[in-house]
Amino acid sequence: MGDTLYERLGEKPGITVLVDRIIDLHLQNPVVGPRFQHADVDRGRAMAKEFFVAGSGGPEPYTGRSMPEAHRGMNISEEEFLAVVDDMMAAMDQLGYDQRERDEVLAIAYSLKGDIIRQ
C-alpha cells in the first residue's frame, strides 16, 4: 500500500466501494436512515466519493458545498453524527481496513463535527 491515505484506501476504486458500503449502512440505520427518505441518494454518493477522494489526498478536487453549507438547517444531533461515524467505522471494518486507516478517517470525521452538528 502507498503512503497517502488515498492510496491506502485503495484510490478511487477502493473509495467507491467504501462509500457505497457506508451509504448502504446509513440507509439501513434507524437513527439516520429516515434522513435519506427524500434525499437524492445518488448525488449524495457521488459527492461523498468526491469528498473522500479529495480529503484523503487524492488527485481530484471536491466540488461540493462546504460542510457547514451542506448541513445548514438540518439540525443534525450528536446521536446522528455518532451513528454516521459508527457506520463509517463498520464499513471500514467489514472491508478489512487496518486500524491506521480507520483512525485517520475517524480523526477527519471528528475534525468536521463542529461544522456538521446543530447547523
PDB file of N, CA and C in Angstrom:
ATOM      1  N   MET A   1       0.844  -1.186   0.000  1.00  0.00           N
ATOM      2  CA  MET A   1       0.000   0.000   0.000  1.00  0.00           C
ATOM      3  C   MET A   1       0.884   1.243   0.000  1.00  0.00           C
ATOM      4  N   GLY A   2       0.292   2.336  -0.437  1.00  0.00           N
ATOM      5  CA  GLY A   2       1.041   3.575  -0.554  1.00  0.00           C
ATOM      6  C   GLY A   2       1.122   4.350   0.733  1.00  0.00           C
ATOM      7  N   ASP A   3       1.661   5.547   0.613  1.00  0.00           N
ATOM      8  CA  ASP A   3       1.882   6.387   1.779  1.00  0.00           C
ATOM      9  C   ASP A   3       0.703   7.280   2.124  1.00  0.00           C
ATOM     10  N   THR A   4      -0.040   7.720   1.128  1.00  0.00           N
ATOM     11  CA  THR A   4      -1.151   8.621   1.430  1.00  0.00           C
ATOM     12  C   THR A   4      -2.381   7.820   1.845  1.00  0.00           C
ATOM     13  N   LEU A   5      -3.244   8.458   2.587  1.00  0.00           N
ATOM     14  CA  LEU A   5      -4.493   7.811   2.965  1.00  0.00           C
ATOM     15  C   LEU A   5      -5.259   7.408   1.705  1.00  0.00           C
ATOM     16  N   TYR A   6      -5.251   8.261   0.707  1.00  0.00           N
ATOM     17  CA  TYR A   6      -5.914   7.968  -0.574  1.00  0.00           C
ATOM     18  C   TYR A   6      -5.419   6.628  -1.129  1.00  0.00           C
ATOM     19  N   GLU A   7      -4.126   6.441  -1.164  1.00  0.00           N
ATOM     20  CA  GLU A   7      -3.558   5.199  -1.686  1.00  0.00           C
ATOM     21  C   GLU A   7      -3.928   4.014  -0.796  1.00  0.00           C
ATOM     22  N   ARG A   8      -3.878   4.232   0.521  1.00  0.00           N
ATOM     23  CA  ARG A   8      -4.171   3.144   1.454  1.00  0.00           C
ATOM     24  C   ARG A   8      -5.648   2.774   1.488  1.00  0.00           C
ATOM     25  N   LEU A   9      -6.510   3.695   1.060  1.00  0.00           N
ATOM     26  CA  LEU A   9      -7.935   3.380   0.947  1.00  0.00           C
ATOM     27  C   LEU A   9      -8.253   2.662  -0.365  1.00  0.00           C
ATOM     28  N   GLY A  10      -7.248   2.511  -1.215  1.00  0.00           N
ATOM     29  CA  GLY A  10      -7.441   1.807  -2.485  1.00  0.00           C
ATOM     30  C   GLY A  10      -7.714   2.717  -3.652  1.00  0.00           C
ATOM     31  N   GLU A  11      -7.325   4.001  -3.486  1.00  0.00           N
ATOM     32  CA  GLU A  11      -7.545   5.012  -4.511  1.00  0.00           C
ATOM     33  C   GLU A  11      -9.033   5.070  -4.872  1.00  0.00           C
ATOM     34  N   LYS A  12      -9.357   5.579  -6.037  1.00  0.00           N
ATOM     35  CA  LYS A  12     -10.761   5.801  -6.380  1.00  0.00           C
ATOM     36  C   LYS A  12     -11.596   4.511  -6.353  1.00  0.00           C
ATOM     37  N   PRO A  13     -11.093   3.387  -6.873  1.00  0.00           N
ATOM     38  CA  PRO A  13     -11.913   2.165  -6.809  1.00  0.00           C
ATOM     39  C   PRO A  13     -12.215   1.719  -5.374  1.00  0.00           C
ATOM     40  N   GLY A  14     -11.220   1.793  -4.506  1.00  0.00           N
ATOM     41  CA  GLY A  14     -11.430   1.409  -3.111  1.00  0.00           C
ATOM     42  C   GLY A  14     -12.372   2.359  -2.396  1.00  0.00           C
ATOM     43  N   ILE A  15     -12.228   3.647  -2.662  1.00  0.00           N
ATOM     44  CA  ILE A  15     -13.099   4.646  -2.049  1.00  0.00           C
ATOM     45  C   ILE A  15     -14.529   4.475  -2.544  1.00  0.00           C
ATOM     46  N   THR A  16     -14.702   4.124  -3.804  1.00  0.00           N
ATOM     47  CA  THR A  16     -16.039   3.888  -4.352  1.00  0.00           C
ATOM     48  C   THR A  16     -16.728   2.759  -3.583  1.00  0.00           C
ATOM     49  N   VAL A  17     -16.036   1.665  -3.377  1.00  0.00           N
ATOM     50  CA  VAL A  17     -16.601   0.532  -2.632  1.00  0.00           C
ATOM     51  C   VAL A  17     -16.888   0.949  -1.187  1.00  0.00           C
ATOM     52  N   LEU A  18     -15.955   1.661  -0.568  1.00  0.00           N
ATOM     53  CA  LEU A  18     -16.121   2.098   0.815  1.00  0.00           C
ATOM     54  C   LEU A  18     -17.327   3.015   0.967  1.00  0.00           C
ATOM     55  N   VAL A  19     -17.439   4.027   0.144  1.00  0.00           N
ATOM     56  CA  VAL A  19     -18.553   4.967   0.256  1.00  0.00           C
ATOM     57  C   VAL A  19     -19.875   4.270  -0.032  1.00  0.00           C
ATOM     58  N   ASP A  20     -19.910   3.394  -1.020  1.00  0.00           N
ATOM     59  CA  ASP A  20     -21.144   2.656  -1.287  1.00  0.00           C
ATOM     60  C   ASP A  20     -21.563   1.846  -0.065  1.00  0.00           C
ATOM     61  N   ARG A  21     -20.615   1.215   0.598  1.00  0.00           N
ATOM     62  CA  ARG A  21     -20.924   0.432   1.799  1.00  0.00           C
ATOM     63  C   ARG A  21     -21.413   1.347   2.919  1.00  0.00           C
ATOM     64  N   ILE A  22     -20.756   2.485   3.104  1.00  0.00           N
ATOM     65  CA  ILE A  22     -21.175   3.435   4.142  1.00  0.00           C
ATOM     66  C   ILE A  22     -22.604   3.903   3.892  1.00  0.00           C
ATOM     67  N   ILE A  23     -22.893   4.312   2.673  1.00  0.00           N
ATOM     68  CA  ILE A  23     -24.238   4.816   2.358  1.00  0.00           C
ATOM     69  C   ILE A  23     -25.270   3.710   2.546  1.00  0.00           C
ATOM     70  N   ASP A  24     -24.945   2.489   2.142  1.00  0.00           N
ATOM     71  CA  ASP A  24     -25.871   1.377   2.350  1.00  0.00           C
ATOM     72  C   ASP A  24     -26.160   1.183   3.837  1.00  0.00           C
ATOM     73  N   LEU A  25     -25.141   1.301   4.662  1.00  0.00           N
ATOM     74  CA  LEU A  25     -25.342   1.190   6.117  1.00  0.00           C
ATOM     75  C   LEU A  25     -26.191   2.347   6.637  1.00  0.00           C
ATOM     76  N   HIS A  26     -25.940   3.554   6.127  1.00  0.00           N
ATOM     77  CA  HIS A  26     -26.762   4.709   6.534  1.00  0.00           C
ATOM     78  C   HIS A  26     -28.237   4.460   6.225  1.00  0.00           C
ATOM     79  N   LEU A  27     -28.511   3.933   5.045  1.00  0.00           N
ATOM     80  CA  LEU A  27     -29.895   3.701   4.626  1.00  0.00           C
ATOM     81  C   LEU A  27     -30.601   2.694   5.529  1.00  0.00           C
ATOM     82  N   GLN A  28     -29.839   1.769   6.097  1.00  0.00           N
ATOM     83  CA  GLN A  28     -30.391   0.747   6.988  1.00  0.00           C
ATOM     84  C   GLN A  28     -30.396   1.183   8.450  1.00  0.00           C
ATOM     85  N   ASN A  29     -29.718   2.264   8.753  1.00  0.00           N
ATOM     86  CA  ASN A  29     -29.543   2.703  10.135  1.00  0.00           C
ATOM     87  C   ASN A  29     -30.814   3.416  10.611  1.00  0.00           C
ATOM     88  N   PRO A  30     -31.430   2.927  11.686  1.00  0.00           N
ATOM     89  CA  PRO A  30     -32.673   3.551  12.145  1.00  0.00           C
ATOM     90  C   PRO A  30     -32.497   4.986  12.648  1.00  0.00           C
ATOM     91  N   VAL A  31     -31.292   5.361  13.014  1.00  0.00           N
ATOM     92  CA  VAL A  31     -31.053   6.717  13.517  1.00  0.00           C
ATOM     93  C   VAL A  31     -30.961   7.721  12.370  1.00  0.00           C
ATOM     94  N   VAL A  32     -30.247   7.378  11.301  1.00  0.00           N
ATOM     95  CA  VAL A  32     -30.040   8.329  10.205  1.00  0.00           C
ATOM     96  C   VAL A  32     -30.761   7.957   8.915  1.00  0.00           C
ATOM     97  N   GLY A  33     -31.207   6.734   8.804  1.00  0.00           N
ATOM     98  CA  GLY A  33     -31.893   6.296   7.594  1.00  0.00           C
ATOM     99  C   GLY A  33     -33.057   7.184   7.181  1.00  0.00           C
ATOM    100  N   PRO A  34     -33.889   7.634   8.141  1.00  0.00           N
ATOM    101  CA  PRO A  34     -35.015   8.491   7.747  1.00  0.00           C
ATOM    102  C   PRO A  34     -34.595   9.788   7.044  1.00  0.00           C
ATOM    103  N   ARG A  35     -33.416  10.276   7.300  1.00  0.00           N
ATOM    104  CA  ARG A  35     -32.943  11.495   6.632  1.00  0.00           C
ATOM    105  C   ARG A  35     -32.762  11.287   5.134  1.00  0.00           C
ATOM    106  N   PHE A  36     -32.608  10.057   4.721  1.00  0.00           N
ATOM    107  CA  PHE A  36     -32.342   9.753   3.319  1.00  0.00           C
ATOM    108  C   PHE A  36     -33.620   9.465   2.522  1.00  0.00           C
ATOM    109  N   GLN A  37     -34.766   9.417   3.183  1.00  0.00           N
ATOM    110  CA  GLN A  37     -36.010   9.062   2.509  1.00  0.00           C
ATOM    111  C   GLN A  37     -36.336   9.989   1.338  1.00  0.00           C
ATOM    112  N   HIS A  38     -36.068  11.260   1.492  1.00  0.00           N
ATOM    113  CA  HIS A  38     -36.401  12.224   0.443  1.00  0.00           C
ATOM    114  C   HIS A  38     -35.148  12.857  -0.159  1.00  0.00           C
ATOM    115  N   ALA A  39     -34.014  12.229   0.069  1.00  0.00           N
ATOM    116  CA  ALA A  39     -32.743  12.768  -0.426  1.00  0.00           C
ATOM    117  C   ALA A  39     -32.402  12.169  -1.785  1.00  0.00           C
ATOM    118  N   ASP A  40     -31.587  12.886  -2.526  1.00  0.00           N
ATOM    119  CA  ASP A  40     -31.041  12.380  -3.776  1.00  0.00           C
ATOM    120  C   ASP A  40     -29.821  11.527  -3.412  1.00  0.00           C
ATOM    121  N   VAL A  41     -30.070  10.251  -3.162  1.00  0.00           N
ATOM    122  CA  VAL A  41     -29.018   9.358  -2.663  1.00  0.00           C
ATOM    123  C   VAL A  41     -27.897   9.207  -3.687  1.00  0.00           C
ATOM    124  N   ASP A  42     -28.224   9.168  -4.967  1.00  0.00           N
ATOM    125  CA  ASP A  42     -27.169   9.037  -5.988  1.00  0.00           C
ATOM    126  C   ASP A  42     -26.232  10.234  -5.958  1.00  0.00           C
ATOM    127  N   ARG A  43     -26.803  11.430  -5.830  1.00  0.00           N
ATOM    128  CA  ARG A  43     -25.949  12.628  -5.729  1.00  0.00           C
ATOM    129  C   ARG A  43     -25.133  12.591  -4.438  1.00  0.00           C
ATOM    130  N   GLY A  44     -25.760  12.171  -3.360  1.00  0.00           N
ATOM    131  CA  GLY A  44     -25.043  12.055  -2.087  1.00  0.00           C
ATOM    132  C   GLY A  44     -23.869  11.099  -2.182  1.00  0.00           C
ATOM    133  N   ARG A  45     -24.075   9.977  -2.849  1.00  0.00           N
ATOM    134  CA  ARG A  45     -22.976   9.014  -3.042  1.00  0.00           C
ATOM    135  C   ARG A  45     -21.841   9.655  -3.838  1.00  0.00           C
ATOM    136  N   ALA A  46     -22.212  10.325  -4.918  1.00  0.00           N
ATOM    137  CA  ALA A  46     -21.192  10.942  -5.779  1.00  0.00           C
ATOM    138  C   ALA A  46     -20.396  11.998  -5.019  1.00  0.00           C
ATOM    139  N   MET A  47     -21.097  12.836  -4.241  1.00  0.00           N
ATOM    140  CA  MET A  47     -20.403  13.892  -3.508  1.00  0.00           C
ATOM    141  C   MET A  47     -19.548  13.306  -2.385  1.00  0.00           C
ATOM    142  N   ALA A  48     -20.045  12.256  -1.721  1.00  0.00           N
ATOM    143  CA  ALA A  48     -19.255  11.618  -0.665  1.00  0.00           C
ATOM    144  C   ALA A  48     -17.992  10.980  -1.237  1.00  0.00           C
ATOM    145  N   LYS A  49     -18.105  10.383  -2.414  1.00  0.00           N
ATOM    146  CA  LYS A  49     -16.925   9.792  -3.054  1.00  0.00           C
ATOM    147  C   LYS A  49     -15.916  10.881  -3.390  1.00  0.00           C
ATOM    148  N   GLU A  50     -16.405  11.971  -3.943  1.00  0.00           N
ATOM    149  CA  GLU A  50     -15.529  13.097  -4.278  1.00  0.00           C
ATOM    150  C   GLU A  50     -14.863  13.641  -3.016  1.00  0.00           C
ATOM    151  N   PHE A  51     -15.639  13.765  -1.944  1.00  0.00           N
ATOM    152  CA  PHE A  51     -15.127  14.289  -0.679  1.00  0.00           C
ATOM    153  C   PHE A  51     -14.041  13.367  -0.126  1.00  0.00           C
ATOM    154  N   PHE A  52     -14.284  12.056  -0.146  1.00  0.00           N
ATOM    155  CA  PHE A  52     -13.291  11.104   0.355  1.00  0.00           C
ATOM    156  C   PHE A  52     -12.026  11.132  -0.489  1.00  0.00           C
ATOM    157  N   VAL A  53     -12.172  11.210  -1.812  1.00  0.00           N
ATOM    158  CA  VAL A  53     -11.001  11.255  -2.683  1.00  0.00           C
ATOM    159  C   VAL A  53     -10.159  12.484  -2.362  1.00  0.00           C
ATOM    160  N   ALA A  54     -10.774  13.644  -2.379  1.00  0.00           N
ATOM    161  CA  ALA A  54     -10.029  14.884  -2.133  1.00  0.00           C
ATOM    162  C   ALA A  54      -9.498  14.939  -0.707  1.00  0.00           C
ATOM    163  N   GLY A  55     -10.329  14.546   0.250  1.00  0.00           N
ATOM    164  CA  GLY A  55      -9.947  14.649   1.656  1.00  0.00           C
ATOM    165  C   GLY A  55      -8.878  13.674   2.087  1.00  0.00           C
ATOM    166  N   SER A  56      -8.684  12.627   1.303  1.00  0.00           N
ATOM    167  CA  SER A  56      -7.669  11.639   1.656  1.00  0.00           C
ATOM    168  C   SER A  56      -6.367  11.845   0.880  1.00  0.00           C
ATOM    169  N   GLY A  57      -6.297  12.932   0.131  1.00  0.00           N
ATOM    170  CA  GLY A  57      -5.061  13.230  -0.597  1.00  0.00           C
ATOM    171  C   GLY A  57      -5.078  12.808  -2.046  1.00  0.00           C
ATOM    172  N   GLY A  58      -6.258  12.508  -2.568  1.00  0.00           N
ATOM    173  CA  GLY A  58      -6.362  12.095  -3.964  1.00  0.00           C
ATOM    174  C   GLY A  58      -6.198  13.246  -4.929  1.00  0.00           C
ATOM    175  N   PRO A  59      -6.128  12.930  -6.222  1.00  0.00           N
ATOM    176  CA  PRO A  59      -5.818  13.935  -7.236  1.00  0.00           C
ATOM    177  C   PRO A  59      -7.002  14.787  -7.689  1.00  0.00           C
ATOM    178  N   GLU A  60      -8.223  14.423  -7.304  1.00  0.00           N
ATOM    179  CA  GLU A  60      -9.394  15.146  -7.784  1.00  0.00           C
ATOM    180  C   GLU A  60      -9.919  16.083  -6.700  1.00  0.00           C
ATOM    181  N   PRO A  61     -10.363  17.273  -7.086  1.00  0.00           N
ATOM    182  CA  PRO A  61     -10.870  18.230  -6.088  1.00  0.00           C
ATOM    183  C   PRO A  61     -12.298  17.885  -5.670  1.00  0.00           C
ATOM    184  N   TYR A  62     -12.662  18.369  -4.505  1.00  0.00           N
ATOM    185  CA  TYR A  62     -14.044  18.284  -4.037  1.00  0.00           C
ATOM    186  C   TYR A  62     -14.753  19.529  -4.542  1.00  0.00           C
ATOM    187  N   THR A  63     -15.847  19.347  -5.267  1.00  0.00           N
ATOM    188  CA  THR A  63     -16.550  20.477  -5.872  1.00  0.00           C
ATOM    189  C   THR A  63     -17.862  20.805  -5.166  1.00  0.00           C
ATOM    190  N   GLY A  64     -18.145  20.087  -4.089  1.00  0.00           N
ATOM    191  CA  GLY A  64     -19.395  20.303  -3.370  1.00  0.00           C
ATOM    192  C   GLY A  64     -19.340  21.482  -2.417  1.00  0.00           C
ATOM    193  N   ARG A  65     -20.445  21.636  -1.720  1.00  0.00           N
ATOM    194  CA  ARG A  65     -20.540  22.712  -0.733  1.00  0.00           C
ATOM    195  C   ARG A  65     -19.678  22.391   0.477  1.00  0.00           C
ATOM    196  N   SER A  66     -19.333  23.421   1.229  1.00  0.00           N
ATOM    197  CA  SER A  66     -18.579  23.216   2.464  1.00  0.00           C
ATOM    198  C   SER A  66     -19.444  22.432   3.441  1.00  0.00           C
ATOM    199  N   MET A  67     -18.841  21.869   4.459  1.00  0.00           N
ATOM    200  CA  MET A  67     -19.602  21.100   5.437  1.00  0.00           C
ATOM    201  C   MET A  67     -20.679  21.954   6.120  1.00  0.00           C
ATOM    202  N   PRO A  68     -20.367  23.177   6.565  1.00  0.00           N
ATOM    203  CA  PRO A  68     -21.447  23.982   7.166  1.00  0.00           C
ATOM    204  C   PRO A  68     -22.574  24.276   6.179  1.00  0.00           C
ATOM    205  N   GLU A  69     -22.228  24.576   4.943  1.00  0.00           N
ATOM    206  CA  GLU A  69     -23.265  24.862   3.930  1.00  0.00           C
ATOM    207  C   GLU A  69     -24.117  23.620   3.646  1.00  0.00           C
ATOM    208  N   ALA A  70     -23.466  22.485   3.529  1.00  0.00           N
ATOM    209  CA  ALA A  70     -24.170  21.251   3.190  1.00  0.00           C
ATOM    210  C   ALA A  70     -25.115  20.795   4.300  1.00  0.00           C
ATOM    211  N   HIS A  71     -24.796  21.153   5.538  1.00  0.00           N
ATOM    212  CA  HIS A  71     -25.587  20.677   6.670  1.00  0.00           C
ATOM    213  C   HIS A  71     -26.427  21.764   7.334  1.00  0.00           C
ATOM    214  N   ARG A  72     -26.354  22.977   6.808  1.00  0.00           N
ATOM    215  CA  ARG A  72     -27.114  24.094   7.378  1.00  0.00           C
ATOM    216  C   ARG A  72     -28.614  23.792   7.352  1.00  0.00           C
ATOM    217  N   GLY A  73     -29.257  24.046   8.472  1.00  0.00           N
ATOM    218  CA  GLY A  73     -30.692  23.859   8.578  1.00  0.00           C
ATOM    219  C   GLY A  73     -31.125  22.425   8.840  1.00  0.00           C
ATOM    220  N   MET A  74     -30.198  21.503   8.880  1.00  0.00           N
ATOM    221  CA  MET A  74     -30.549  20.098   9.097  1.00  0.00           C
ATOM    222  C   MET A  74     -30.668  19.761  10.585  1.00  0.00           C
ATOM    223  N   ASN A  75     -30.064  20.585  11.433  1.00  0.00           N
ATOM    224  CA  ASN A  75     -30.109  20.383  12.885  1.00  0.00           C
ATOM    225  C   ASN A  75     -29.712  18.949  13.256  1.00  0.00           C
ATOM    226  N   ILE A  76     -28.600  18.501  12.738  1.00  0.00           N
ATOM    227  CA  ILE A  76     -28.103  17.148  12.995  1.00  0.00           C
ATOM    228  C   ILE A  76     -27.686  17.039  14.453  1.00  0.00           C
ATOM    229  N   SER A  77     -28.153  15.995  15.100  1.00  0.00           N
ATOM    230  CA  SER A  77     -27.864  15.783  16.512  1.00  0.00           C
ATOM    231  C   SER A  77     -26.537  15.055  16.703  1.00  0.00           C
ATOM    232  N   GLU A  78     -26.068  15.085  17.934  1.00  0.00           N
ATOM    233  CA  GLU A  78     -24.866  14.333  18.302  1.00  0.00           C
ATOM    234  C   GLU A  78     -25.104  12.842  18.033  1.00  0.00           C
ATOM    235  N   GLU A  79     -26.285  12.347  18.366  1.00  0.00           N
ATOM    236  CA  GLU A  79     -26.616  10.940  18.154  1.00  0.00           C
ATOM    237  C   GLU A  79     -26.535  10.580  16.668  1.00  0.00           C
ATOM    238  N   GLU A  80     -27.030  11.448  15.808  1.00  0.00           N
ATOM    239  CA  GLU A  80     -26.967  11.189  14.369  1.00  0.00           C
ATOM    240  C   GLU A  80     -25.523  11.223  13.873  1.00  0.00           C
ATOM    241  N   PHE A  81     -24.756  12.194  14.344  1.00  0.00           N
ATOM    242  CA  PHE A  81     -23.345  12.266  13.960  1.00  0.00           C
ATOM    243  C   PHE A  81     -22.634  10.970  14.346  1.00  0.00           C
ATOM    244  N   LEU A  82     -22.852  10.510  15.574  1.00  0.00           N
ATOM    245  CA  LEU A  82     -22.200   9.283  16.037  1.00  0.00           C
ATOM    246  C   LEU A  82     -22.668   8.065  15.237  1.00  0.00           C
ATOM    247  N   ALA A  83     -23.930   8.034  14.846  1.00  0.00           N
ATOM    248  CA  ALA A  83     -24.436   6.925  14.035  1.00  0.00           C
ATOM    249  C   ALA A  83     -23.735   6.884  12.679  1.00  0.00           C
ATOM    250  N   VAL A  84     -23.527   8.060  12.097  1.00  0.00           N
ATOM    251  CA  VAL A  84     -22.826   8.138  10.813  1.00  0.00           C
ATOM    252  C   VAL A  84     -21.384   7.664  10.970  1.00  0.00           C
ATOM    253  N   VAL A  85     -20.718   8.127  12.008  1.00  0.00           N
ATOM    254  CA  VAL A  85     -19.337   7.710  12.254  1.00  0.00           C
ATOM    255  C   VAL A  85     -19.274   6.200  12.506  1.00  0.00           C
ATOM    256  N   ASP A  86     -20.226   5.679  13.276  1.00  0.00           N
ATOM    257  CA  ASP A  86     -20.262   4.231  13.516  1.00  0.00           C
ATOM    258  C   ASP A  86     -20.415   3.458  12.206  1.00  0.00           C
ATOM    259  N   ASP A  87     -21.268   3.957  11.308  1.00  0.00           N
ATOM    260  CA  ASP A  87     -21.423   3.308  10.003  1.00  0.00           C
ATOM    261  C   ASP A  87     -20.124   3.347   9.212  1.00  0.00           C
ATOM    262  N   MET A  88     -19.426   4.464   9.278  1.00  0.00           N
ATOM    263  CA  MET A  88     -18.142   4.582   8.571  1.00  0.00           C
ATOM    264  C   MET A  88     -17.147   3.555   9.094  1.00  0.00           C
ATOM    265  N   MET A  89     -17.061   3.446  10.410  1.00  0.00           N
ATOM    266  CA  MET A  89     -16.112   2.509  11.010  1.00  0.00           C
ATOM    267  C   MET A  89     -16.536   1.059  10.734  1.00  0.00           C
ATOM    268  N   ALA A  90     -17.832   0.780  10.764  1.00  0.00           N
ATOM    269  CA  ALA A  90     -18.311  -0.574  10.464  1.00  0.00           C
ATOM    270  C   ALA A  90     -17.979  -0.960   9.022  1.00  0.00           C
ATOM    271  N   ALA A  91     -18.188  -0.032   8.096  1.00  0.00           N
ATOM    272  CA  ALA A  91     -17.867  -0.301   6.697  1.00  0.00           C
ATOM    273  C   ALA A  91     -16.375  -0.571   6.528  1.00  0.00           C
ATOM    274  N   MET A  92     -15.554   0.224   7.169  1.00  0.00           N
ATOM    275  CA  MET A  92     -14.109   0.020   7.054  1.00  0.00           C
ATOM    276  C   MET A  92     -13.694  -1.312   7.659  1.00  0.00           C
ATOM    277  N   ASP A  93     -14.317  -1.677   8.773  1.00  0.00           N
ATOM    278  CA  ASP A  93     -14.029  -2.961   9.396  1.00  0.00           C
ATOM    279  C   ASP A  93     -14.459  -4.101   8.469  1.00  0.00           C
ATOM    280  N   GLN A  94     -15.661  -4.007   7.912  1.00  0.00           N
ATOM    281  CA  GLN A  94     -16.168  -5.044   7.001  1.00  0.00           C
ATOM    282  C   GLN A  94     -15.269  -5.219   5.786  1.00  0.00           C
ATOM    283  N   LEU A  95     -14.679  -4.124   5.336  1.00  0.00           N
ATOM    284  CA  LEU A  95     -13.829  -4.174   4.143  1.00  0.00           C
ATOM    285  C   LEU A  95     -12.365  -4.474   4.465  1.00  0.00           C
ATOM    286  N   GLY A  96     -12.051  -4.667   5.737  1.00  0.00           N
ATOM    287  CA  GLY A  96     -10.721  -5.111   6.134  1.00  0.00           C
ATOM    288  C   GLY A  96      -9.651  -4.045   6.203  1.00  0.00           C
ATOM    289  N   TYR A  97     -10.041  -2.782   6.373  1.00  0.00           N
ATOM    290  CA  TYR A  97      -9.032  -1.736   6.512  1.00  0.00           C
ATOM    291  C   TYR A  97      -8.306  -1.871   7.833  1.00  0.00           C
ATOM    292  N   ASP A  98      -7.038  -1.531   7.819  1.00  0.00           N
ATOM    293  CA  ASP A  98      -6.233  -1.572   9.034  1.00  0.00           C
ATOM    294  C   ASP A  98      -6.636  -0.465   9.996  1.00  0.00           C
ATOM    295  N   GLN A  99      -6.186  -0.612  11.234  1.00  0.00           N
ATOM    296  CA  GLN A  99      -6.503   0.373  12.271  1.00  0.00           C
ATOM    297  C   GLN A  99      -5.979   1.757  11.896  1.00  0.00           C
ATOM    298  N   ARG A 100      -4.835   1.825  11.258  1.00  0.00           N
ATOM    299  CA  ARG A 100      -4.264   3.120  10.873  1.00  0.00           C
ATOM    300  C   ARG A 100      -5.233   3.916  10.002  1.00  0.00           C
ATOM    301  N   GLU A 101      -5.797   3.262   8.992  1.00  0.00           N
ATOM    302  CA  GLU A 101      -6.732   3.943   8.097  1.00  0.00           C
ATOM    303  C   GLU A 101      -8.025   4.312   8.836  1.00  0.00           C
ATOM    304  N   ARG A 102      -8.523   3.403   9.669  1.00  0.00           N
ATOM    305  CA  ARG A 102      -9.734   3.701  10.441  1.00  0.00           C
ATOM    306  C   ARG A 102      -9.511   4.903  11.354  1.00  0.00           C
ATOM    307  N   ASP A 103      -8.343   4.932  11.996  1.00  0.00           N
ATOM    308  CA  ASP A 103      -8.026   6.055  12.897  1.00  0.00           C
ATOM    309  C   ASP A 103      -7.948   7.375  12.139  1.00  0.00           C
ATOM    310  N   GLU A 104      -7.359   7.364  10.952  1.00  0.00           N
ATOM    311  CA  GLU A 104      -7.229   8.602  10.174  1.00  0.00           C
ATOM    312  C   GLU A 104      -8.591   9.098   9.688  1.00  0.00           C
ATOM    313  N   VAL A 105      -9.439   8.193   9.227  1.00  0.00           N
ATOM    314  CA  VAL A 105     -10.777   8.587   8.787  1.00  0.00           C
ATOM    315  C   VAL A 105     -11.577   9.093   9.980  1.00  0.00           C
ATOM    316  N   LEU A 106     -11.453   8.426  11.113  1.00  0.00           N
ATOM    317  CA  LEU A 106     -12.132   8.866  12.331  1.00  0.00           C
ATOM    318  C   LEU A 106     -11.684  10.264  12.739  1.00  0.00           C
ATOM    319  N   ALA A 107     -10.392  10.529  12.660  1.00  0.00           N
ATOM    320  CA  ALA A 107      -9.873  11.859  13.001  1.00  0.00           C
ATOM    321  C   ALA A 107     -10.427  12.925  12.057  1.00  0.00           C
ATOM    322  N   ILE A 108     -10.520  12.611  10.785  1.00  0.00           N
ATOM    323  CA  ILE A 108     -11.079  13.559   9.816  1.00  0.00           C
ATOM    324  C   ILE A 108     -12.548  13.820  10.154  1.00  0.00           C
ATOM    325  N   ALA A 109     -13.293  12.750  10.425  1.00  0.00           N
ATOM    326  CA  ALA A 109     -14.714  12.911  10.755  1.00  0.00           C
ATOM    327  C   ALA A 109     -14.886  13.805  11.978  1.00  0.00           C
ATOM    328  N   TYR A 110     -14.111  13.556  13.008  1.00  0.00           N
ATOM    329  CA  TYR A 110     -14.242  14.360  14.229  1.00  0.00           C
ATOM    330  C   TYR A 110     -13.765  15.791  14.032  1.00  0.00           C
ATOM    331  N   SER A 111     -12.848  16.002  13.111  1.00  0.00           N
ATOM    332  CA  SER A 111     -12.406  17.378  12.843  1.00  0.00           C
ATOM    333  C   SER A 111     -13.525  18.192  12.198  1.00  0.00           C
ATOM    334  N   LEU A 112     -14.501  17.523  11.600  1.00  0.00           N
ATOM    335  CA  LEU A 112     -15.615  18.180  10.922  1.00  0.00           C
ATOM    336  C   LEU A 112     -16.869  18.271  11.792  1.00  0.00           C
ATOM    337  N   LYS A 113     -16.838  17.677  12.951  1.00  0.00           N
ATOM    338  CA  LYS A 113     -18.021  17.578  13.802  1.00  0.00           C
ATOM    339  C   LYS A 113     -18.678  18.936  14.041  1.00  0.00           C
ATOM    340  N   GLY A 114     -17.901  19.933  14.379  1.00  0.00           N
ATOM    341  CA  GLY A 114     -18.446  21.260  14.653  1.00  0.00           C
ATOM    342  C   GLY A 114     -19.087  21.916  13.440  1.00  0.00           C
ATOM    343  N   ASP A 115     -18.705  21.479  12.256  1.00  0.00           N
ATOM    344  CA  ASP A 115     -19.279  22.018  11.017  1.00  0.00           C
ATOM    345  C   ASP A 115     -20.549  21.279  10.599  1.00  0.00           C
ATOM    346  N   ILE A 116     -20.875  20.193  11.314  1.00  0.00           N
ATOM    347  CA  ILE A 116     -21.977  19.338  10.907  1.00  0.00           C
ATOM    348  C   ILE A 116     -23.153  19.370  11.899  1.00  0.00           C
ATOM    349  N   ILE A 117     -22.851  19.198  13.175  1.00  0.00           N
ATOM    350  CA  ILE A 117     -23.970  19.103  14.126  1.00  0.00           C
ATOM    351  C   ILE A 117     -24.538  20.493  14.455  1.00  0.00           C
ATOM    352  N   ARG A 118     -25.836  20.480  14.652  1.00  0.00           N
ATOM    353  CA  ARG A 118     -26.596  21.663  15.066  1.00  0.00           C
ATOM    354  C   ARG A 118     -26.425  22.866  14.141  1.00  0.00           C
ATOM    355  N   GLN A 119     -26.219  22.617  12.862  1.00  0.00           N
ATOM    356  CA  GLN A 119     -26.078  23.704  11.878  1.00  0.00           C
ATOM    357  C   GLN A 119     -27.440  24.182  11.421  1.00  0.00           C
TER     358      GLN A 119
END
